[in-house]
Amino acid sequence: MEPTPPREDQILPMPTEFSEHRRSRHVLIVEDDRDDAFLLKRALKTAALEQQVDLEIAYTENGMDALGDVACKDLLNHLPDIIVVDLNMPVVNGERFLSVLRDDMRLTGVPAIVLTTATENHVLDNALSEGADAAFSKPNTNEELLAIARTILSYGDSPGAATRHP
């Protein structure tokens, strides 16, 4: 005996409490300095709580591992929403990572944010020319890092032009 389908008046709507009001972000951090990665993760988690964002963070220590991670995620249709990359890393540096990332047409829409110790404008401008959507110098205070984390989580809400932030 086959079950009878429910009548239309018996179907309950799905709860939308979280889906309508909460965003989710999957952030990939590519950073060889574990302390810097820890501080960024902490800032992102704080910003996510403030902004009511469900946050998933993946972490790799160099560009080569990140490229492998992105390729695997691509195969699983679980690409990161945002990639935060340092420039000065072993194996594959941040500039090369950005170049390879932007050469793949499927990944041109994934925002890539540079967070580097460099403070020179030409370094930050070069990161933008290599395909970064924004470039920040690593700040000296937790408050400044939290402000950057808030900005990072805003990527993906709407398409934006590449910008450089000191």
Protein backbone atom coordinates (compact mmCIF):
# COMPACT_ATOMS: atom_id res chain seq x y z
CA MET A 1 0.00 0.00 0.00
CA GLU A 2 1.51 3.32 -1.08
CA PRO A 3 1.40 6.27 1.28
CA THR A 4 -0.84 9.07 0.18
CA PRO A 5 0.83 12.43 -0.34
CA PRO A 6 -0.15 15.12 2.14
CA ARG A 7 -2.79 17.62 1.18
CA GLU A 8 -1.56 21.16 0.55
CA ASP A 9 -3.12 22.37 3.81
CA GLN A 10 -1.13 19.70 5.72
CA ILE A 11 2.31 20.79 4.46
CA LEU A 12 4.13 22.87 7.02
CA PRO A 13 6.44 25.63 5.82
CA MET A 14 10.14 25.18 6.42
CA PRO A 15 11.52 27.32 9.25
CA THR A 16 13.17 30.43 7.85
CA GLU A 17 14.34 32.00 11.08
CA PHE A 18 18.02 31.46 10.28
CA SER A 19 18.04 31.25 6.50
CA GLU A 20 16.55 34.71 5.94
CA HIS A 21 18.59 36.60 8.53
CA ARG A 22 21.95 34.88 8.60
CA ARG A 23 24.66 34.75 5.99
CA SER A 24 27.34 32.13 5.82
CA ARG A 25 30.94 32.50 4.75
CA HIS A 26 33.60 29.93 4.02
CA VAL A 27 36.97 31.66 4.32
CA LEU A 28 40.28 30.14 3.25
CA ILE A 29 43.29 31.67 5.01
CA VAL A 30 46.64 31.22 3.27
CA GLU A 31 49.26 32.33 5.79
CA ASP A 32 52.63 30.83 6.75
CA ASP A 33 52.82 32.58 10.14
CA ARG A 34 50.71 30.56 12.58
CA ASP A 35 50.44 33.45 15.03
CA ASP A 36 49.12 35.78 12.34
CA ALA A 37 46.69 33.08 11.20
CA PHE A 38 45.48 32.59 14.78
CA LEU A 39 44.91 36.33 15.25
CA LEU A 40 43.05 36.60 11.95
CA LYS A 41 40.85 33.60 12.76
CA ARG A 42 39.99 35.15 16.13
CA ALA A 43 39.15 38.49 14.52
CA LEU A 44 37.03 36.81 11.83
CA LYS A 45 35.12 34.83 14.46
CA THR A 46 34.44 37.99 16.47
CA ALA A 47 33.29 39.87 13.35
CA ALA A 48 31.10 36.92 12.35
CA LEU A 49 29.38 36.95 15.73
CA GLU A 50 28.78 40.69 15.45
CA GLN A 51 27.41 40.41 11.93
CA GLN A 52 25.45 37.18 12.56
CA VAL A 53 27.44 35.28 9.97
CA ASP A 54 27.86 31.52 10.09
CA LEU A 55 31.58 31.11 9.56
CA GLU A 56 33.68 28.22 8.34
CA ILE A 57 37.45 28.75 8.21
CA ALA A 58 40.02 26.62 6.40
CA TYR A 59 43.73 27.26 6.78
CA THR A 60 46.84 26.43 4.78
CA GLU A 61 50.43 27.53 5.32
CA ASN A 62 51.52 28.12 1.71
CA GLY A 63 50.21 28.84 -1.73
CA MET A 64 50.86 25.35 -3.09
CA ASP A 65 48.73 23.72 -0.39
CA ALA A 66 46.06 26.38 -0.93
CA LEU A 67 45.93 25.67 -4.67
CA GLY A 68 45.49 21.97 -3.89
CA ASP A 69 42.80 22.77 -1.34
CA VAL A 70 40.93 25.00 -3.79
CA ALA A 71 41.17 22.36 -6.54
CA CYS A 72 39.72 19.70 -4.22
CA LYS A 73 36.96 22.02 -3.04
CA ASP A 74 36.19 22.87 -6.68
CA LEU A 75 35.70 19.19 -7.44
CA LEU A 76 33.31 18.96 -4.49
CA ASN A 77 31.53 22.21 -5.43
CA HIS A 78 32.51 23.72 -2.09
CA LEU A 79 34.77 26.58 -3.08
CA PRO A 80 35.57 29.16 -0.45
CA ASP A 81 33.54 32.36 -0.52
CA ILE A 82 36.61 34.46 0.32
CA ILE A 83 40.35 33.80 0.24
CA VAL A 84 42.72 35.77 2.48
CA VAL A 85 46.33 35.41 1.35
CA ASP A 86 49.70 36.61 2.61
CA LEU A 87 52.27 37.63 0.01
CA ASN A 88 55.49 36.39 1.62
CA MET A 89 55.17 32.61 1.87
CA PRO A 90 57.34 29.61 1.09
CA VAL A 91 56.81 27.20 -1.83
CA VAL A 92 54.30 29.36 -3.77
CA ASN A 93 54.14 33.00 -2.70
CA GLY A 94 50.98 35.08 -2.59
CA GLU A 95 51.53 36.85 -5.91
CA ARG A 96 51.97 33.56 -7.76
CA PHE A 97 48.96 32.11 -5.94
CA LEU A 98 46.83 35.07 -7.07
CA SER A 99 48.05 34.75 -10.64
CA VAL A 100 47.17 31.04 -10.82
CA LEU A 101 43.86 31.63 -9.04
CA ARG A 102 42.81 34.33 -11.51
CA ASP A 103 43.89 32.28 -14.53
CA ASP A 104 41.18 29.73 -13.68
CA MET A 105 37.91 31.12 -15.05
CA ARG A 106 35.86 29.29 -12.40
CA LEU A 107 37.71 31.13 -9.66
CA THR A 108 37.65 34.68 -10.97
CA GLY A 109 34.55 35.43 -8.89
CA VAL A 110 36.04 34.30 -5.57
CA PRO A 111 37.19 37.41 -3.71
CA ALA A 112 40.89 37.30 -2.82
CA ILE A 113 42.06 39.63 -0.07
CA VAL A 114 45.77 40.25 0.55
CA LEU A 115 46.91 40.74 4.13
CA THR A 116 50.64 41.38 4.21
CA THR A 117 53.39 42.82 6.38
CA ALA A 118 54.39 45.08 3.49
CA THR A 119 53.41 48.72 3.92
CA GLU A 120 54.72 50.12 0.65
CA ASN A 121 52.04 51.31 -1.76
CA HIS A 122 53.74 49.71 -4.77
CA VAL A 123 53.54 46.27 -3.10
CA LEU A 124 49.85 46.71 -2.33
CA ASP A 125 49.17 48.06 -5.82
CA ASN A 126 51.02 45.11 -7.36
CA ALA A 127 48.83 42.71 -5.37
CA LEU A 128 45.79 44.38 -6.89
CA SER A 129 47.25 44.09 -10.38
CA GLU A 130 47.88 40.36 -9.74
CA GLY A 131 44.17 39.88 -9.04
CA ALA A 132 43.52 40.75 -5.40
CA ASP A 133 40.18 42.38 -4.71
CA ALA A 134 41.66 44.31 -1.79
CA ALA A 135 45.06 44.63 -0.14
CA PHE A 136 45.70 45.46 3.50
CA SER A 137 48.90 45.91 5.47
CA LYS A 138 48.84 43.83 8.63
CA PRO A 139 47.80 46.13 11.47
CA ASN A 140 49.47 46.63 14.83
CA THR A 141 46.35 46.43 17.00
CA ASN A 142 43.53 43.96 17.52
CA GLU A 143 41.00 46.73 16.88
CA GLU A 144 42.47 47.44 13.44
CA LEU A 145 42.52 43.71 12.63
CA LEU A 146 38.88 43.42 13.69
CA ALA A 147 38.00 46.28 11.34
CA ILE A 148 39.76 44.44 8.50
CA ALA A 149 37.94 41.21 9.44
CA ARG A 150 34.60 43.02 9.22
CA THR A 151 35.54 44.25 5.74
CA ILE A 152 36.67 40.77 4.68
CA LEU A 153 33.32 39.26 5.68
CA SER A 154 31.48 41.91 3.65
CA TYR A 155 32.95 40.48 0.45
CA GLY A 156 30.55 38.27 -1.41
CA ASP A 157 27.50 40.39 -0.50
CA SER A 158 27.70 42.29 -3.76
CA PRO A 159 30.30 42.56 -6.50
CA GLY A 160 32.77 45.36 -5.89
CA ALA A 161 35.75 46.92 -7.51
CA ALA A 162 39.24 46.16 -6.36
CA THR A 163 40.48 48.57 -3.74
CA ARG A 164 43.61 49.13 -1.75
CA HIS A 165 43.34 49.70 1.97
CA PRO A 166 46.35 50.83 4.02
